[in-house]
Protein backbone atom coordinates (compact mmCIF):
# COMPACT_ATOMS: atom_id res chain seq x y z
CA MET A 1 -44.19 25.71 -5.73
CA GLY A 2 -42.15 28.78 -6.74
CA ARG A 3 -40.56 26.91 -9.64
CA LEU A 4 -44.00 26.13 -11.07
CA SER A 5 -45.62 29.56 -10.73
CA SER A 6 -44.75 30.63 -14.29
CA CYS A 7 -46.19 27.49 -15.95
CA LYS A 8 -49.28 28.39 -17.99
CA SER A 9 -50.24 25.43 -20.17
CA THR A 10 -50.40 21.72 -19.45
CA ALA A 11 -47.36 21.15 -21.68
CA SER A 12 -45.34 23.86 -20.01
CA LEU A 13 -46.48 22.58 -16.61
CA LEU A 14 -45.17 19.12 -17.39
CA LEU A 15 -41.91 20.61 -18.62
CA CYS A 16 -41.52 22.66 -15.48
CA VAL A 17 -42.26 19.65 -13.30
CA ALA A 18 -39.55 17.70 -15.13
CA VAL A 19 -37.05 20.55 -14.76
CA SER A 20 -37.94 20.90 -11.08
CA PHE A 21 -37.48 17.16 -10.54
CA LEU A 22 -34.07 17.19 -12.22
CA ALA A 23 -33.03 20.21 -10.19
CA GLU A 24 -33.99 18.41 -7.00
CA LEU A 25 -31.96 15.38 -8.09
CA VAL A 26 -28.88 17.55 -8.53
CA LEU A 27 -29.47 19.13 -5.11
CA VAL A 28 -29.89 15.74 -3.45
CA HIS A 29 -27.09 13.88 -5.18
CA GLY A 30 -24.69 16.81 -5.51
CA GLY A 31 -23.71 16.35 -9.14
CA LEU A 32 -23.14 13.85 -11.91
CA VAL A 33 -21.90 11.25 -9.41
CA PRO A 34 -22.49 10.89 -5.66
CA ALA A 35 -18.89 11.43 -4.59
CA LEU A 36 -15.18 11.53 -5.37
CA TYR A 37 -12.74 9.37 -3.43
CA VAL A 38 -9.19 10.54 -4.14
CA LEU A 39 -5.91 8.75 -3.44
CA GLY A 40 -2.40 9.54 -4.55
CA ASP A 41 0.42 12.02 -4.21
CA SER A 42 1.08 15.77 -4.10
CA GLN A 43 -0.66 16.57 -7.38
CA ALA A 44 -3.91 15.61 -5.62
CA ASP A 45 -3.13 16.52 -1.97
CA VAL A 46 -5.44 19.22 -0.58
CA GLY A 47 -3.97 19.37 2.91
CA ASN A 48 -3.35 15.89 4.32
CA ASN A 49 0.37 16.57 4.72
CA ASN A 50 -0.42 19.62 6.86
CA HIS A 51 -0.89 17.07 9.63
CA LEU A 52 2.65 15.69 9.31
CA GLN A 53 4.41 18.37 11.31
CA LEU A 54 7.88 16.86 11.01
CA SER A 55 7.69 16.22 7.28
CA PRO A 56 9.43 18.59 4.84
CA LEU A 57 6.86 17.55 2.21
CA ARG A 58 4.29 20.20 3.05
CA ALA A 59 2.90 23.22 1.19
CA ASN A 60 0.88 24.98 3.90
CA PHE A 61 2.93 28.16 3.75
CA PRO A 62 3.39 31.09 1.33
CA ARG A 63 3.94 31.49 -1.51
CA ASN A 64 1.80 28.47 -2.22
CA GLY A 65 -1.82 29.49 -2.65
CA ILE A 66 -0.99 32.95 -3.95
CA ASP A 67 -3.85 32.64 -6.45
CA TYR A 68 -6.17 30.61 -4.22
CA PRO A 69 -9.20 32.50 -2.82
CA GLY A 70 -7.91 34.73 -0.05
CA GLN A 71 -4.32 33.97 -1.12
CA GLN A 72 -4.51 31.05 1.28
CA ALA A 73 -1.83 28.35 1.46
CA THR A 74 -4.06 25.33 1.99
CA GLY A 75 -1.54 22.54 1.61
CA ARG A 76 -2.04 22.26 -2.14
CA PHE A 77 1.26 22.14 -4.03
CA SER A 78 0.09 24.88 -6.35
CA ASN A 79 -0.33 28.60 -6.76
CA GLY A 80 -4.08 27.95 -6.65
CA HIS A 81 -6.38 25.00 -7.23
CA ASN A 82 -5.19 21.55 -8.27
CA PHE A 83 -6.69 19.06 -10.73
CA VAL A 84 -8.97 17.47 -8.12
CA ASP A 85 -10.65 20.83 -7.56
CA PHE A 86 -11.29 21.22 -11.29
CA LEU A 87 -12.47 17.64 -11.65
CA ALA A 88 -14.91 18.06 -8.79
CA GLY A 89 -16.23 21.27 -10.33
CA SER A 90 -16.75 19.55 -13.67
CA LEU A 91 -18.83 16.91 -11.88
CA GLY A 92 -20.92 19.45 -9.98
CA LEU A 93 -19.33 18.52 -6.65
CA ALA A 94 -17.44 20.36 -3.98
CA SER A 95 -13.77 19.41 -3.87
CA PRO A 96 -13.55 16.61 -1.27
CA PRO A 97 -11.84 17.58 2.00
CA ALA A 98 -8.55 16.21 3.24
CA TYR A 99 -9.24 13.10 5.31
CA HIS A 100 -6.79 14.05 8.07
CA SER A 101 -8.51 17.42 8.45
CA ILE A 102 -11.93 15.94 9.25
CA ARG A 103 -11.42 12.32 10.35
CA ASP A 104 -12.03 13.02 14.06
CA THR A 105 -15.37 14.72 13.44
CA ALA A 106 -16.75 13.13 10.28
CA GLY A 107 -17.78 9.73 11.53
CA SER A 108 -21.00 10.93 13.13
CA ASN A 109 -22.40 12.65 10.03
CA SER A 110 -22.70 12.19 6.28
CA THR A 111 -19.41 13.87 5.28
CA TYR A 112 -17.96 10.64 3.96
CA LEU A 113 -20.93 10.31 1.62
CA ASP A 114 -19.82 13.45 -0.21
CA GLY A 115 -16.30 12.15 -0.91
CA ILE A 116 -12.90 12.32 0.77
CA ASN A 117 -9.37 13.11 -0.36
CA PHE A 118 -6.67 10.80 1.05
CA ALA A 119 -3.78 11.93 -1.21
CA SER A 120 -0.44 12.74 0.40
CA GLY A 121 2.48 14.65 -1.06
CA GLY A 122 5.46 12.37 -1.54
CA ALA A 123 3.50 9.11 -1.66
CA GLY A 124 4.46 6.43 -4.14
CA VAL A 125 3.38 2.99 -5.22
CA CYS A 126 6.38 1.67 -3.29
CA ASP A 127 6.22 2.10 0.49
CA LEU A 128 9.92 2.99 0.56
CA THR A 129 9.31 6.14 -1.49
CA ASN A 130 9.65 9.06 0.97
CA LYS A 131 9.04 6.62 3.80
CA GLY A 132 8.14 8.36 7.05
CA GLN A 133 7.50 11.69 5.34
CA CYS A 134 4.03 11.05 3.91
CA PHE A 135 0.95 8.89 4.17
CA SER A 136 1.98 6.07 1.87
CA PHE A 137 -0.38 4.73 -0.78
CA ASP A 138 -0.77 1.51 1.19
CA HIS A 139 -1.59 3.58 4.30
CA GLN A 140 -4.17 5.56 2.35
CA ILE A 141 -5.86 2.32 1.28
CA GLU A 142 -5.48 0.03 4.29
CA CYS A 143 -5.84 2.56 7.10
CA ASP A 144 -7.65 5.67 5.83
CA TYR A 145 -9.99 4.56 3.06
CA SER A 146 -10.63 1.22 4.75
CA SER A 147 -11.85 3.11 7.84
CA VAL A 148 -14.15 5.27 5.69
CA HIS A 149 -15.48 2.16 3.96
CA SER A 150 -16.30 0.58 7.32
CA GLU A 151 -18.04 3.74 8.47
CA LEU A 152 -20.13 3.91 5.28
CA VAL A 153 -21.20 0.29 5.78
CA ARG A 154 -22.10 1.08 9.38
CA GLN A 155 -24.16 4.12 8.41
CA LEU A 156 -25.87 2.78 5.28
CA GLY A 157 -25.73 -0.98 5.54
CA GLN A 158 -23.71 -3.12 3.14
CA PRO A 159 -26.08 -3.05 0.11
CA GLN A 160 -26.51 0.74 0.10
CA ALA A 161 -22.83 1.38 0.79
CA THR A 162 -21.90 -0.90 -2.10
CA ASP A 163 -24.36 0.90 -4.39
CA HIS A 164 -23.07 4.33 -3.32
CA LEU A 165 -19.43 3.41 -3.94
CA SER A 166 -20.16 1.73 -7.27
CA LYS A 167 -21.66 4.99 -8.58
CA SER A 168 -18.86 7.18 -7.18
CA ILE A 169 -15.60 8.03 -8.95
CA PHE A 170 -12.30 6.87 -7.51
CA VAL A 171 -9.33 8.99 -8.51
CA VAL A 172 -5.80 7.59 -8.30
CA ALA A 173 -2.77 9.73 -9.12
CA ILE A 174 0.39 7.87 -8.17
CA GLY A 175 3.78 6.83 -9.56
CA GLY A 176 5.71 10.03 -10.23
CA ASN A 177 7.49 10.03 -6.87
CA ASP A 178 8.67 6.47 -7.40
CA ILE A 179 10.32 7.55 -10.65
CA ILE A 180 11.99 10.54 -8.98
CA PHE A 181 13.04 8.22 -6.12
CA ARG A 182 14.71 5.89 -8.64
CA ALA A 183 16.26 8.66 -10.77
CA LEU A 184 17.70 11.02 -8.15
CA PRO A 185 21.28 10.40 -7.01
CA ARG A 186 21.78 10.03 -3.28
CA PRO A 187 24.78 9.59 -0.98
CA ALA A 188 25.66 5.98 -0.24
CA VAL A 189 25.54 6.68 3.50
CA ASP A 190 21.77 7.29 3.22
CA LEU A 191 21.03 3.95 1.64
CA THR A 192 19.64 1.02 3.57
CA ALA A 193 19.99 -2.41 2.02
CA GLU A 194 16.24 -2.36 1.31
CA VAL A 195 16.39 0.96 -0.53
CA LEU A 196 19.56 0.01 -2.39
CA ALA A 197 17.90 -3.18 -3.62
CA VAL A 198 15.03 -1.16 -5.12
CA ILE A 199 16.92 1.67 -6.78
CA SER A 200 19.55 -0.72 -8.16
CA LEU A 201 16.98 -2.56 -10.26
CA PRO A 202 17.27 -2.01 -14.03
CA PRO A 203 14.55 0.37 -15.30
CA GLN A 204 12.18 -2.26 -16.67
CA GLU A 205 12.52 -4.49 -13.60
CA PHE A 206 11.84 -1.45 -11.43
CA ILE A 207 8.69 -0.63 -13.41
CA ASP A 208 7.58 -4.29 -13.34
CA SER A 209 7.96 -4.25 -9.56
CA LEU A 210 5.82 -1.10 -9.31
CA ALA A 211 3.17 -2.63 -11.57
CA GLN A 212 3.00 -5.78 -9.47
CA THR A 213 2.53 -3.73 -6.30
CA LEU A 214 -0.01 -1.43 -7.97
CA ARG A 215 -2.05 -4.42 -9.12
CA ARG A 216 -2.40 -5.56 -5.51
CA GLN A 217 -3.33 -2.05 -4.37
CA LEU A 218 -5.98 -1.52 -7.04
CA GLN A 219 -7.40 -4.98 -6.41
CA ARG A 220 -7.77 -4.02 -2.76
CA LEU A 221 -9.67 -0.88 -3.76
CA TYR A 222 -11.89 -3.01 -5.98
CA ASP A 223 -12.56 -5.34 -3.06
CA LEU A 224 -13.56 -2.28 -1.04
CA GLY A 225 -16.11 -1.04 -3.58
CA MET A 226 -14.27 0.78 -6.36
CA ARG A 227 -16.04 0.28 -9.70
CA ARG A 228 -15.32 3.52 -11.59
CA LEU A 229 -11.66 4.57 -11.71
CA PHE A 230 -9.99 7.65 -13.12
CA PHE A 231 -6.25 6.93 -13.16
CA VAL A 232 -3.81 9.78 -13.76
CA GLY A 233 -0.64 8.49 -15.42
CA ALA A 234 2.88 9.73 -14.79
CA ALA A 235 3.93 13.06 -16.26
CA PRO A 236 7.19 13.44 -18.22
CA ILE A 237 9.08 13.49 -14.92
CA GLY A 238 12.36 14.17 -16.69
CA CYS A 239 11.06 17.55 -17.84
CA VAL A 240 10.04 19.00 -14.47
CA PRO A 241 12.40 21.82 -13.40
CA LEU A 242 14.10 19.71 -10.71
CA MET A 243 15.01 16.93 -13.13
CA ARG A 244 15.96 19.32 -15.94
CA GLU A 245 18.45 20.96 -13.61
CA LEU A 246 19.84 17.58 -12.60
CA SER A 247 20.12 16.42 -16.21
CA LEU A 248 22.03 19.55 -17.24
CA SER A 249 24.42 19.43 -14.29
CA ARG A 250 25.14 15.71 -14.73
CA ARG A 251 24.85 15.54 -18.56
CA LEU A 252 21.99 13.06 -18.45
CA THR A 253 20.18 14.44 -21.48
CA THR A 254 20.51 13.91 -25.20
CA ALA A 255 18.09 16.60 -26.39
CA GLY A 256 15.78 19.25 -25.03
CA GLY A 257 17.31 19.47 -21.56
CA CYS A 258 15.04 16.82 -20.01
CA HIS A 259 16.31 13.89 -17.95
CA ASP A 260 16.16 11.04 -20.44
CA GLY A 261 16.21 8.23 -17.88
CA ALA A 262 13.32 9.63 -15.88
CA ASN A 263 11.24 10.23 -19.00
CA ASP A 264 11.91 6.72 -20.20
CA MET A 265 10.65 5.32 -16.90
CA SER A 266 7.53 7.54 -17.05
CA ALA A 267 6.67 6.14 -20.49
CA ARG A 268 7.33 2.57 -19.33
CA TYR A 269 5.23 3.09 -16.21
CA ASN A 270 2.25 4.40 -18.17
CA ALA A 271 2.44 1.46 -20.56
CA ALA A 272 2.49 -0.94 -17.60
CA VAL A 273 -0.50 0.78 -15.97
CA ARG A 274 -2.51 0.66 -19.21
CA SER A 275 -1.84 -3.07 -19.47
CA LEU A 276 -2.70 -3.63 -15.82
CA LEU A 277 -6.00 -1.75 -16.06
CA GLY A 278 -6.94 -3.62 -19.21
CA ASP A 279 -6.29 -6.93 -17.45
CA MET A 280 -8.31 -5.89 -14.41
CA SER A 281 -11.29 -4.76 -16.49
CA THR A 282 -11.25 -8.11 -18.29
CA GLN A 283 -11.12 -9.95 -14.98
CA HIS A 284 -13.80 -7.72 -13.41
CA GLN A 285 -16.51 -6.97 -15.95
CA ASP A 286 -18.07 -4.33 -13.68
CA LEU A 287 -14.86 -2.27 -13.43
CA GLN A 288 -14.78 0.77 -15.73
CA TYR A 289 -11.85 3.16 -16.03
CA ALA A 290 -10.41 6.17 -17.79
CA PHE A 291 -6.62 6.39 -18.03
CA PHE A 292 -5.12 9.83 -18.61
CA ASP A 293 -1.75 9.84 -20.38
CA THR A 294 -0.23 12.89 -18.71
CA TYR A 295 3.13 12.11 -20.30
CA THR A 296 1.96 12.37 -23.92
CA THR A 297 -0.27 15.36 -23.23
CA LEU A 298 2.39 17.44 -21.49
CA MET A 299 5.08 16.51 -24.01
CA GLN A 300 2.84 17.88 -26.77
CA HIS A 301 2.58 21.14 -24.84
CA ILE A 302 6.31 21.24 -24.10
CA LYS A 303 7.17 20.75 -27.78
CA GLU A 304 4.68 23.43 -28.91
CA PRO A 305 4.40 25.83 -25.96
CA GLU A 306 3.05 28.90 -27.72
CA ALA A 307 0.35 26.93 -29.53
CA ASN A 308 -0.79 25.67 -26.13
CA GLY A 309 -0.71 29.03 -24.35
CA TYR A 310 2.68 28.83 -22.61
CA ALA A 311 5.54 31.29 -22.60
CA GLU A 312 7.65 29.18 -20.22
CA VAL A 313 7.77 25.38 -19.97
CA LYS A 314 11.22 24.86 -18.44
CA ALA A 315 11.59 27.13 -15.42
CA ALA A 316 9.53 26.99 -12.25
CA CYS A 317 7.39 30.01 -11.45
CA CYS A 318 8.29 29.91 -7.74
CA GLY A 319 11.72 29.04 -6.40
CA LEU A 320 15.34 30.16 -6.33
CA GLY A 321 18.44 29.75 -8.46
CA ASP A 322 18.76 28.69 -12.08
CA ASN A 323 15.29 28.36 -13.59
CA ASN A 324 13.93 28.66 -10.03
CA ALA A 325 14.87 24.97 -9.77
CA MET A 326 17.49 25.07 -7.02
CA TYR A 327 15.14 25.34 -4.03
CA ARG A 328 11.50 24.61 -3.28
CA CYS A 329 8.86 27.32 -3.32
CA GLY A 330 8.71 29.22 -0.02
CA ARG A 331 8.46 32.60 1.66
CA VAL A 332 11.81 33.84 0.34
CA SER A 333 11.33 32.55 -3.20
CA THR A 334 10.94 34.69 -6.29
CA VAL A 335 7.59 34.33 -8.08
CA CYS A 336 6.87 34.93 -11.75
CA PRO A 337 4.42 37.79 -12.33
CA ASN A 338 2.24 35.81 -14.78
CA ARG A 339 1.33 32.36 -13.48
CA THR A 340 -1.03 31.72 -16.37
CA ASN A 341 1.74 31.31 -18.96
CA HIS A 342 4.01 29.02 -16.92
CA MET A 343 3.66 25.24 -17.07
CA PHE A 344 5.31 24.59 -13.69
CA TRP A 345 4.63 26.24 -10.38
CA ASP A 346 7.60 24.86 -8.43
CA LEU A 347 10.29 22.18 -8.72
CA VAL A 348 7.88 19.46 -9.81
CA HIS A 349 4.26 20.64 -9.67
CA PRO A 350 2.07 22.24 -12.34
CA THR A 351 0.53 25.68 -12.12
CA GLU A 352 -3.19 26.07 -11.58
CA THR A 353 -3.49 26.89 -15.29
CA THR A 354 -1.80 23.63 -16.28
CA SER A 355 -3.99 21.64 -13.91
CA ARG A 356 -7.11 23.22 -15.38
CA ARG A 357 -6.03 22.45 -18.96
CA LEU A 358 -5.07 18.85 -18.22
CA THR A 359 -8.33 18.19 -16.38
CA GLY A 360 -10.31 19.55 -19.33
CA ILE A 361 -8.52 17.16 -21.69
CA ALA A 362 -9.06 14.20 -19.36
CA PHE A 363 -12.74 15.07 -19.02
CA ASP A 364 -13.62 15.58 -22.68
CA GLY A 365 -10.61 14.36 -24.65
CA SER A 366 -10.08 11.21 -26.66
CA SER A 367 -7.57 8.43 -27.24
CA PRO A 368 -4.59 8.30 -27.04
CA LEU A 369 -4.58 11.08 -24.45
CA VAL A 370 -7.40 9.55 -22.41
CA SER A 371 -8.55 5.97 -22.96
CA PRO A 372 -10.45 3.74 -23.39
CA ILE A 373 -13.06 6.38 -22.49
CA ASN A 374 -12.86 9.91 -21.10
CA VAL A 375 -14.10 10.99 -17.70
CA ARG A 376 -17.38 12.39 -19.02
CA THR A 377 -18.20 9.00 -20.52
CA LEU A 378 -17.03 7.23 -17.36
CA VAL A 379 -19.50 9.10 -15.20
CA SER A 380 -22.37 8.64 -17.65
CA GLN A 381 -22.07 4.86 -17.91
CA GLU A 382 -25.09 2.88 -16.72
CA ARG A 383 -24.57 0.64 -13.75
């Protein structure tokens, strides 16, 4: 009754009742949508790879997390928060926990109802990408999310579980590691026949192969309840510090210092994903999606850094060697004093500032950067 104690007139009483009711809805449902279910790679990982003790693809050590509350290295590949954290905040939700941090204790309570993060650093569309060093995208779908789906059905019953998932947002951020996997040189002695067959494909055939696999994976998520999808497209992979350094040392660039081949594949991949999502939404009338063109957005910022708040768009903030691009971020790395004016945190990952800016554009921006609708519109659609 405390919320109603200041209501004097009938009109103001009705207004207060309405405000109180809406406030209770937010408290009960947690935000604009019931939950976020996140799958993908290191740009979205919030600690799943912490549980792969033998994998080098982890970030649960300094200097990662230097700007996170308590200067805590959580497993995020960032100096602070990543885009999932900012997306969750924009939706009025807590950032969903890493599945492998809570899977042994979550089944008996409602944690899964609030959303889960399955993303794993190093994961790609192709299972061969960083095989054995991450939770692959197929593993995230078929083992991890599938288990959560079964538990939700057990707890709620099929109709309620279906309704809950249809109102939730599924986030998929995948594809960049596949492009790095294809673009990076590697010694012939490390190549199995299976790997050689993949990386030897011409660029468009390689992208077509990824798109075919991705179609199967997204269809599986649809079969398991996904109805609202936010897909994060590939960044200009050729412009991350790692690939810039490679392009300069091997003369793989024509202008700007970026790796032309990797950037070409990023653009091709995004075009293929757009086409795939359009086809799926035509096939499934109840599937709605927002596609964020990270490539075009970041290239605009790279071409006009000062206008977009950056002093440095080439070098990593944390690392060693030329442009801090010769070694991954770690305890012995140098760190730039101002993380807010750097685009990249380490060899391949954005700073917290970049993640915040990109999420804001995806949430409220317009075509061609985010299409056919933005995230705000996606979450407000009637079901």
